[in-house]
Protein backbone atom coordinates (compact mmCIF):
# COMPACT_ATOMS: atom_id res chain seq x y z
CA MET A 1 162.04 177.38 93.28
CA LEU A 2 165.78 177.33 91.67
CA ASN A 3 167.79 180.69 92.08
CA THR A 4 169.50 181.90 88.89
CA VAL A 5 173.52 182.07 89.76
CA VAL A 6 174.37 185.36 87.95
CA LYS A 7 178.59 185.22 87.28
CA ASP A 8 180.52 188.71 87.18
CA VAL A 9 183.82 186.56 87.42
CA LYS A 10 186.71 185.79 84.35
CA LYS A 11 184.88 183.56 81.53
CA ILE A 12 185.31 180.29 82.90
CA ASN A 13 183.41 177.41 80.25
CA SER A 14 182.91 174.08 81.98
CA LEU A 15 181.67 170.78 80.66
CA ILE A 16 180.13 168.07 82.77
CA TRP A 17 181.33 164.67 81.45
CA PHE A 18 178.28 162.54 82.50
CA ARG A 19 178.91 158.69 82.54
CA ASN A 20 177.53 156.72 85.82
CA ASP A 21 176.18 159.99 87.10
CA LEU A 22 173.19 160.46 85.52
CA ARG A 23 171.47 162.67 87.56
CA ILE A 24 171.49 166.08 88.60
CA ASP A 25 170.62 165.63 92.63
CA ASP A 26 173.35 164.90 94.72
CA HIS A 27 176.03 165.64 91.99
CA SER A 28 178.74 167.38 93.31
CA GLY A 29 180.11 168.17 90.18
CA LEU A 30 177.04 169.89 88.45
CA PHE A 31 176.93 171.69 91.73
CA HIS A 32 180.31 173.10 91.56
CA ALA A 33 180.34 173.73 88.44
CA ILE A 34 177.27 175.99 88.35
CA GLN A 35 178.57 178.04 90.72
CA ASN A 36 181.91 178.69 89.54
CA SER A 37 181.21 179.03 85.73
CA THR A 38 180.53 181.30 83.52
CA LYS A 39 178.94 178.90 81.04
CA VAL A 40 178.29 175.04 82.06
CA ILE A 41 177.46 172.51 79.12
CA GLY A 42 176.67 168.82 79.89
CA VAL A 43 177.68 165.83 77.36
CA PHE A 44 177.21 161.97 77.53
CA CYS A 45 178.69 159.69 74.63
CA PHE A 46 177.24 156.43 73.41
CA SER A 47 180.65 154.66 72.35
CA LYS A 48 179.72 152.40 70.00
CA GLN A 49 182.54 150.19 71.00
CA LYS A 50 180.38 149.64 74.06
CA TYR A 51 177.64 147.76 71.99
CA GLU A 52 179.60 145.57 69.89
CA LEU A 53 179.93 141.71 69.94
CA ASN A 54 182.36 140.66 72.39
CA ASP A 55 184.69 137.97 71.89
CA LEU A 56 182.12 135.28 72.93
CA GLY A 57 179.48 136.62 70.90
CA PHE A 58 177.18 138.63 72.32
CA PRO A 59 176.85 142.17 72.79
CA ARG A 60 179.02 144.01 75.51
CA THR A 61 175.45 146.04 76.23
CA ASP A 62 172.57 144.60 75.02
CA SER A 63 169.05 145.55 74.70
CA PHE A 64 167.52 145.61 78.36
CA ARG A 65 170.57 147.68 79.61
CA ALA A 66 170.93 150.08 76.61
CA LYS A 67 166.87 150.72 76.54
CA PHE A 68 167.56 151.68 80.73
CA LEU A 69 170.45 153.78 79.52
CA ILE A 70 168.82 155.79 76.95
CA GLU A 71 165.64 156.50 78.97
CA SER A 72 168.19 157.65 82.09
CA VAL A 73 169.99 159.99 79.61
CA ASN A 74 166.61 161.57 78.16
CA CYS A 75 165.43 162.27 81.67
CA LEU A 76 169.05 163.72 82.48
CA LYS A 77 168.39 166.07 79.27
CA ASP A 78 165.01 166.83 80.52
CA GLU A 79 166.34 167.93 84.03
CA LEU A 80 169.48 169.96 82.69
CA LYS A 81 167.14 171.74 80.67
CA LYS A 82 164.90 172.64 83.59
CA ILE A 83 168.43 174.27 85.08
CA ASN A 84 169.25 176.11 81.62
CA ILE A 85 171.97 173.63 80.71
CA THR A 86 172.32 171.77 77.38
CA LEU A 87 173.00 167.91 77.42
CA LEU A 88 175.21 167.36 74.02
CA VAL A 89 174.48 163.61 73.01
CA ALA A 90 176.31 161.56 70.12
CA ILE A 91 177.30 158.31 68.86
CA GLU A 92 180.98 159.08 69.22
CA LYS A 93 184.06 157.68 71.27
CA PRO A 94 184.66 160.48 73.87
CA GLU A 95 188.18 161.66 72.92
CA LYS A 96 186.76 162.67 69.02
CA LEU A 97 183.28 164.34 70.69
CA ILE A 98 184.49 165.94 73.60
CA SER A 99 187.80 167.50 71.73
CA LYS A 100 185.66 169.07 69.56
CA ILE A 101 183.14 170.66 72.09
CA ILE A 102 186.09 171.68 73.69
CA ASP A 103 187.38 173.59 70.57
CA ASP A 104 183.85 174.91 69.56
CA TYR A 105 183.10 176.29 73.17
CA GLU A 106 186.52 177.38 74.29
CA ILE A 107 186.41 174.92 77.17
CA ASN A 108 188.48 175.61 79.98
CA ARG A 109 187.19 173.28 83.30
CA ILE A 110 185.61 169.74 83.08
CA TYR A 111 184.37 167.82 85.56
CA LEU A 112 183.79 163.98 85.54
CA GLN A 113 183.14 161.11 88.39
CA GLU A 114 186.55 159.68 89.05
CA GLU A 115 187.30 156.04 87.58
CA TRP A 116 190.04 153.66 88.10
CA THR A 117 189.25 150.71 86.06
CA ASP A 118 191.27 150.47 82.89
CA GLU A 119 188.74 150.85 80.03
CA GLU A 120 187.48 154.54 81.70
CA ILE A 121 191.25 155.71 82.23
CA ASN A 122 192.25 154.99 78.74
CA GLU A 123 189.03 156.59 77.48
CA GLU A 124 189.94 159.40 79.70
CA LYS A 125 193.78 159.71 78.68
CA PHE A 126 193.55 162.07 75.69
CA LEU A 127 192.41 164.63 78.57
CA ASN A 128 195.92 164.64 79.77
CA LYS A 129 197.18 166.57 76.30
CA LYS A 130 194.53 169.37 76.62
CA ASN A 131 195.47 172.62 78.64
CA ILE A 132 192.24 171.77 80.80
CA ASN A 133 191.62 172.07 84.39
CA LEU A 134 190.17 168.91 85.55
CA PHE A 135 187.79 168.37 88.56
CA LYS A 136 187.00 164.74 89.72
CA PHE A 137 184.38 164.09 92.57
CA ASN A 138 183.46 160.63 94.05
CA ASP A 139 179.45 160.64 94.50
CA GLN A 140 179.49 157.13 93.54
CA PHE A 141 180.29 156.01 96.96
CA LEU A 142 178.63 155.90 100.07
CA TYR A 143 181.64 156.53 102.18
CA HIS A 144 183.65 159.16 100.40
CA PRO A 145 187.14 157.84 99.57
CA GLN A 146 188.93 160.82 101.27
CA ASP A 147 186.94 159.71 104.63
CA VAL A 148 188.16 156.20 104.22
CA ASP A 149 191.90 154.88 105.47
CA LEU A 150 192.69 152.22 102.58
CA GLU A 151 195.37 150.54 104.67
CA LYS A 152 192.37 149.83 106.80
CA ILE A 153 190.37 148.17 104.27
CA SER A 154 190.32 144.15 105.01
CA ASN A 155 189.44 141.67 101.98
CA VAL A 156 186.53 140.44 104.38
CA PHE A 157 183.49 142.33 104.19
CA THR A 158 182.48 142.22 107.91
CA ASN A 159 185.86 143.38 108.90
CA PHE A 160 185.34 146.78 106.17
CA ARG A 161 181.85 147.02 107.12
CA LYS A 162 182.91 147.27 110.75
CA TYR A 163 185.12 149.79 110.39
CA CYS A 164 182.71 151.67 108.29
CA GLU A 165 179.71 151.83 110.64
CA LYS A 166 182.07 152.54 113.53
CA LYS A 167 184.81 155.38 112.28
CA LEU A 168 183.13 156.80 109.39
CA ASP A 169 180.09 158.85 108.63
CA VAL A 170 177.87 159.45 105.56
CA ARG A 171 178.42 162.73 104.27
CA ALA A 172 175.28 165.13 103.52
CA SER A 173 173.75 165.27 99.84
CA TYR A 174 174.39 167.72 97.43
CA LYS A 175 170.82 169.61 97.25
CA LEU A 176 170.39 171.78 94.06
CA SER A 177 169.14 175.19 94.89
CA PHE A 178 170.02 177.52 91.73
CA SER A 179 170.88 177.38 88.18
CA MET A 180 172.56 178.81 85.30
CA PRO A 181 170.93 182.19 83.35
CA LYS A 182 168.90 181.40 80.47
CA ASN A 183 171.01 182.18 78.13
CA ASN A 184 173.81 179.17 79.07
CA LEU A 185 171.05 176.99 76.99
CA LEU A 186 172.20 176.23 73.67
CA ARG A 187 170.36 176.83 70.69
CA ASN A 188 170.24 173.42 69.02
CA ASP A 189 168.51 170.31 70.70
CA PHE A 190 170.45 166.67 70.66
CA ASN A 191 168.51 163.58 70.51
CA VAL A 192 169.54 160.75 72.45
CA PRO A 193 169.84 157.62 70.10
CA SER A 194 167.24 154.50 69.72
CA LEU A 195 168.44 151.00 70.02
CA LYS A 196 168.40 151.04 66.26
CA ASP A 197 171.19 153.38 66.45
CA LEU A 198 173.10 151.61 68.55
CA GLY A 199 172.79 148.54 66.32
CA LEU A 200 170.65 147.14 68.96
CA ASP A 201 167.24 145.01 68.75
CA SER A 202 163.78 146.73 70.32
CA PHE A 203 161.78 144.22 72.43
CA GLU A 204 158.80 144.43 74.62
CA ILE A 205 158.64 144.01 78.19
CA ASP A 206 157.86 140.39 79.44
CA GLU A 207 154.50 140.51 81.51
CA ARG A 208 156.59 138.32 84.07
CA SER A 209 159.28 140.56 84.40
CA ALA A 210 160.47 141.56 88.21
CA PHE A 211 161.88 144.89 86.44
CA PRO A 212 159.31 146.44 84.31
CA PHE A 213 160.65 149.80 85.21
CA GLU A 214 162.11 152.74 83.31
CA GLY A 215 165.53 154.46 83.32
CA GLY A 216 166.13 157.84 84.90
CA TYR A 217 166.07 159.95 88.26
CA LYS A 218 162.58 160.61 88.30
CA GLU A 219 161.87 156.65 88.14
CA GLY A 220 164.27 156.05 90.52
CA ILE A 221 163.30 158.74 93.27
CA LYS A 222 159.42 157.26 92.22
CA ARG A 223 160.48 153.41 92.89
CA LEU A 224 162.38 154.81 96.16
CA ASN A 225 159.47 156.79 97.81
CA TYR A 226 157.12 153.73 96.77
CA TYR A 227 159.52 151.17 98.20
CA LEU A 228 159.58 153.35 101.67
CA TRP A 229 156.98 155.79 102.35
CA GLU A 230 154.41 154.59 100.03
CA SER A 231 154.24 150.90 100.53
CA LYS A 232 156.47 150.53 103.49
CA LYS A 233 158.37 147.55 102.50
CA VAL A 234 161.67 148.26 103.38
CA SER A 235 160.37 147.49 106.77
CA PHE A 236 159.88 143.63 105.53
CA TYR A 237 163.19 143.83 103.63
CA LYS A 238 165.28 141.14 105.37
CA LYS A 239 162.30 139.03 105.24
CA THR A 240 161.88 139.19 101.65
CA ARG A 241 165.08 139.92 100.06
CA ASN A 242 165.57 136.42 98.99
CA GLY A 243 162.48 135.90 96.90
CA LEU A 244 161.95 135.45 93.32
CA LEU A 245 158.92 136.47 92.14
CA GLY A 246 157.47 140.04 91.41
CA ILE A 247 158.31 143.40 91.88
CA ASP A 248 158.24 143.80 95.50
CA TYR A 249 160.61 141.03 97.12
CA SER A 250 163.56 143.63 96.87
CA SER A 251 163.90 147.36 96.08
CA LYS A 252 165.01 147.04 92.69
CA LEU A 253 167.40 150.16 93.36
CA SER A 254 170.48 148.52 92.10
CA SER A 255 169.75 149.80 88.06
CA TRP A 256 169.67 153.43 89.06
CA LEU A 257 172.62 152.89 91.38
CA ALA A 258 174.33 151.17 88.77
CA ASN A 259 174.20 154.09 86.14
CA GLY A 260 174.27 156.86 88.54
CA SER A 261 170.22 158.16 88.19
CA LEU A 262 170.38 157.67 92.05
CA SER A 263 172.93 158.29 94.36
CA PRO A 264 173.91 155.95 97.45
CA ARG A 265 173.68 158.96 99.56
CA ILE A 266 170.45 160.04 98.32
CA ILE A 267 168.99 156.45 99.33
CA TYR A 268 170.92 156.27 102.84
CA HIS A 269 169.43 159.56 103.87
CA ASN A 270 166.08 158.66 102.64
CA ILE A 271 166.28 155.20 104.84
CA LYS A 272 167.65 157.06 108.10
CA ASP A 273 164.70 159.70 107.55
CA TYR A 274 162.06 156.57 107.52
CA GLU A 275 163.90 155.07 110.78
CA SER A 276 163.16 158.50 112.33
CA LYS A 277 159.69 158.97 111.33
CA VAL A 278 158.38 155.78 110.78
CA GLU A 279 160.47 152.69 111.95
CA LYS A 280 163.88 151.19 112.51
CA ASN A 281 164.42 147.56 112.58
CA GLN A 282 166.67 144.98 111.26
CA SER A 283 165.32 145.38 107.71
CA THR A 284 166.03 148.90 107.39
CA TYR A 285 169.37 148.16 108.41
CA TRP A 286 169.92 145.39 105.74
CA MET A 287 169.29 147.80 103.17
CA ILE A 288 172.02 149.95 104.26
CA PHE A 289 173.97 146.88 104.74
CA GLU A 290 173.62 145.84 101.37
CA ILE A 291 174.67 149.68 99.92
CA ILE A 292 177.90 149.05 102.07
CA TRP A 293 178.40 145.97 100.29
CA ARG A 294 178.41 147.67 96.98
CA ASP A 295 180.72 150.28 98.56
CA PHE A 296 183.19 147.19 99.43
CA PHE A 297 183.64 145.76 95.72
CA LYS A 298 184.31 149.38 94.72
CA TYR A 299 187.26 149.60 97.27
CA ILE A 300 188.38 145.88 96.51
CA SER A 301 188.23 147.12 92.97
CA LYS A 302 190.42 150.06 93.94
CA LEU A 303 192.75 147.98 95.97
CA HIS A 304 193.38 145.24 93.48
CA GLY A 305 193.14 146.93 89.81
CA THR A 306 193.11 144.36 87.20
CA LYS A 307 193.15 141.47 89.18
CA ILE A 308 189.42 141.73 89.37
CA PHE A 309 189.21 140.77 85.57
CA LYS A 310 192.06 138.10 85.80
CA ILE A 311 190.90 134.36 86.05
CA GLY A 312 193.05 133.98 89.38
CA GLY A 313 191.21 136.86 91.03
CA ILE A 314 192.18 138.89 93.94
CA LEU A 315 193.59 135.84 95.45
CA GLU A 316 195.71 134.32 92.37
CA LYS A 317 194.35 130.77 92.70
CA GLU A 318 195.53 128.19 90.20
CA TYR A 319 192.34 126.46 89.22
CA ILE A 320 192.13 124.37 86.43
CA TRP A 321 189.07 125.97 84.21
CA ASN A 322 187.26 124.73 81.41
CA HIS A 323 186.40 126.41 78.24
CA ASP A 324 183.65 124.46 76.52
CA LYS A 325 181.60 126.62 74.92
CA LYS A 326 179.08 124.35 74.24
CA LEU A 327 178.56 123.71 77.90
CA PHE A 328 178.66 127.44 78.14
CA GLU A 329 175.81 127.90 75.71
CA LYS A 330 173.63 125.39 77.72
CA TRP A 331 173.90 127.47 80.69
CA ILE A 332 173.04 130.83 78.91
CA ASN A 333 170.02 129.01 77.08
CA GLY A 334 168.67 127.49 80.24
CA LYS A 335 169.25 123.70 78.99
CA THR A 336 171.44 122.67 82.00
CA PRO A 337 170.29 119.31 84.27
CA GLU A 338 169.24 121.64 86.59
CA PRO A 339 165.66 123.53 86.56
CA PHE A 340 166.25 126.26 89.23
CA VAL A 341 169.25 127.01 87.44
CA ASN A 342 167.24 127.41 83.79
CA ALA A 343 164.61 129.16 85.12
CA ASN A 344 166.86 131.83 86.15
CA MET A 345 169.01 132.27 83.17
CA ILE A 346 165.68 131.85 81.22
CA GLU A 347 164.37 135.39 82.84
CA LEU A 348 167.63 136.81 82.54
CA LYS A 349 167.88 136.21 78.72
CA LEU A 350 164.17 137.32 78.41
CA THR A 351 164.02 140.46 80.83
CA GLY A 352 167.48 141.55 82.00
CA TRP A 353 166.98 140.74 85.39
CA MET A 354 167.75 137.91 88.03
CA SER A 355 167.10 137.88 91.64
CA ASN A 356 170.20 138.14 93.83
CA ARG A 357 169.40 134.24 95.28
CA GLY A 358 169.67 133.51 91.41
CA ARG A 359 172.67 134.94 90.94
CA GLN A 360 174.41 133.06 93.38
CA ASN A 361 173.13 129.55 92.14
CA VAL A 362 173.46 130.52 88.38
CA ALA A 363 176.93 131.70 89.26
CA SER A 364 178.13 128.67 91.67
CA TYR A 365 176.46 126.20 88.90
CA LEU A 366 178.87 127.70 86.11
CA ALA A 367 181.89 128.06 87.92
CA LYS A 368 181.94 125.26 90.65
CA GLU A 369 179.53 122.30 88.83
CA ASN A 370 180.65 123.02 85.20
CA LYS A 371 183.94 124.60 86.35
CA ILE A 372 183.97 127.29 83.20
CA ASP A 373 186.17 130.43 83.12
CA TRP A 374 184.07 132.17 86.07
CA ARG A 375 184.75 135.62 83.73
CA TRP A 376 182.72 134.00 80.90
CA GLY A 377 179.80 134.19 83.02
CA ALA A 378 180.67 137.65 84.03
CA LYS A 379 181.01 138.80 80.49
CA TYR A 380 177.51 137.27 79.63
CA PHE A 381 175.75 139.20 82.98
CA GLU A 382 177.35 142.18 81.81
CA SER A 383 175.99 142.19 78.69
CA LYS A 384 172.20 141.16 80.02
CA LEU A 385 171.92 142.71 83.24
CA ILE A 386 169.89 145.82 83.28
CA ASP A 387 171.85 146.67 86.92
CA TYR A 388 175.24 145.55 85.49
CA ASP A 389 177.98 147.59 88.00
CA VAL A 390 181.51 146.53 87.01
CA HIS A 391 182.68 146.08 90.54
CA SER A 392 179.85 144.49 91.91
CA ASN A 393 179.66 142.30 88.98
CA TYR A 394 183.21 141.07 89.03
CA GLY A 395 183.44 141.30 92.92
CA ASN A 396 180.24 138.82 93.19
CA TRP A 397 181.71 136.55 90.54
CA MET A 398 185.10 136.36 92.14
CA TYR A 399 183.44 135.58 95.25
CA VAL A 400 181.18 133.21 94.62
CA SER A 401 183.91 131.40 92.13
CA GLY A 402 186.67 130.89 94.91
CA VAL A 403 188.91 133.61 93.73
CA GLY A 404 187.63 136.87 95.61
CA ASN A 405 186.24 138.00 99.00
CA ASP A 406 184.78 134.86 100.05
CA PRO A 407 187.31 133.19 102.80
CA ARG A 408 185.23 129.74 102.81
CA ASP A 409 185.16 128.81 98.96
CA ARG A 410 181.55 127.89 99.24
CA LYS A 411 179.70 125.59 96.60
CA PHE A 412 175.98 126.09 96.37
CA ASN A 413 173.50 122.84 96.54
CA ILE A 414 171.40 123.96 94.04
CA LYS A 415 168.76 121.31 94.85
CA PHE A 416 168.66 122.47 98.22
CA GLN A 417 168.25 125.84 97.57
CA SER A 418 165.61 125.41 94.99
CA GLU A 419 163.48 123.47 97.70
CA ARG A 420 164.20 126.52 100.39
CA TYR A 421 163.63 129.59 98.19
CA ASP A 422 161.04 127.91 95.50
CA PRO A 423 159.39 124.74 97.55
CA SER A 424 156.26 124.95 95.81
CA ASN A 425 158.12 125.70 92.04
CA LYS A 426 156.22 128.73 91.28
CA PHE A 427 159.20 130.34 90.13
CA GLN A 428 160.19 127.23 88.26
CA ASN A 429 156.90 126.72 86.48
CA LEU A 430 156.59 130.56 85.27
CA TRP A 431 159.81 130.46 83.28
CA LEU A 432 159.77 126.82 82.05
CA GLN A 433 156.48 126.62 81.01
CA GLU A 434 157.33 127.90 77.41
CA LYS A 435 160.48 126.30 77.43
CA LEU A 436 160.49 124.32 74.21
CA SER A 437 158.91 127.02 72.23
CA LEU A 438 161.30 129.58 73.16
CA PHE A 439 164.41 127.64 72.19
């Protein structure tokens, strides 16, 4: 039972600007806002620019990720209502919408997750002109930035991992045990837009999809509980993580992590609890290992800034890149000479999902075989992937393309990978059987 916080202090009206932190559990901004405010309002902006066509001709955010986001925002709205906080939602630029909220509700504090990539920084610049107190938080990390010595961050993941595991602790999650008074709720309800409202096409989930899940905290926790406590699949994660078929070869938690429906600390502490109560083995460790990878790319992004979006990457390599759009479109549509690449690309096109093994192979093929500008591939992934995260996406693309954090600059042998991970062609047969009718 949540306790209601009763305020008898100087009037503090707070706005929580939600972006990639769509939850109420383990949300330090929400936690502190409720404790220190007379009134609390939430806001989420659907900026139309994020759903428009990019310079390559496809939406920056396509229907798969947009649907998952809509579901996540709807869930957040419902969860906030339970603690007497209204979520204002609109299709509008943050500057216009939030400026109006500040004026209409006499907001004097804003809580928001800290971001450092250009688009997000530019998006919040207008706040500097406002006479308002800003409180930024960093719940998107496993290892909190205040605990990390940036000078000790290596461009080599193994060094970063060893430093974190030896020197750092994961902070406790924020547990919300109180709510705002009932009179904090606004009278009006605010509808979350549909795909049509965003100018995107609706779709039916492909029955072959390895990711048939819905967005939002409740669904994320449900999946986490299933993967750990109900099925105990986490105990076999290291053996199955390179799989291609079905919903259980990996945890599939990355999509909820990407938009902040779950925090990395929630997952970490659940795994540690599982290890103490059920089993601790290489697989449970490997789940944490993967979350550290996610942190690594965030810190690489913080250290190197806009280099992660430049063709030479963080290594500033001067390769000769191809900009052949017809060749690129063949990759997108699964019409390359490599069936394994084609199957993965068709899966992505029809579902918004691709396995980690598939992503590495199709990225290597585009960048190393076709020598297509790797940023084109990164943009296509940004459009299609349900679990798109700017830092992991560009970090992984740089890594595979030889301009990032892989000192070996490897190229995948696609045929060998196909024979090793899809020896009986089950995955390829699943996605290539209707190829002629699909395109």
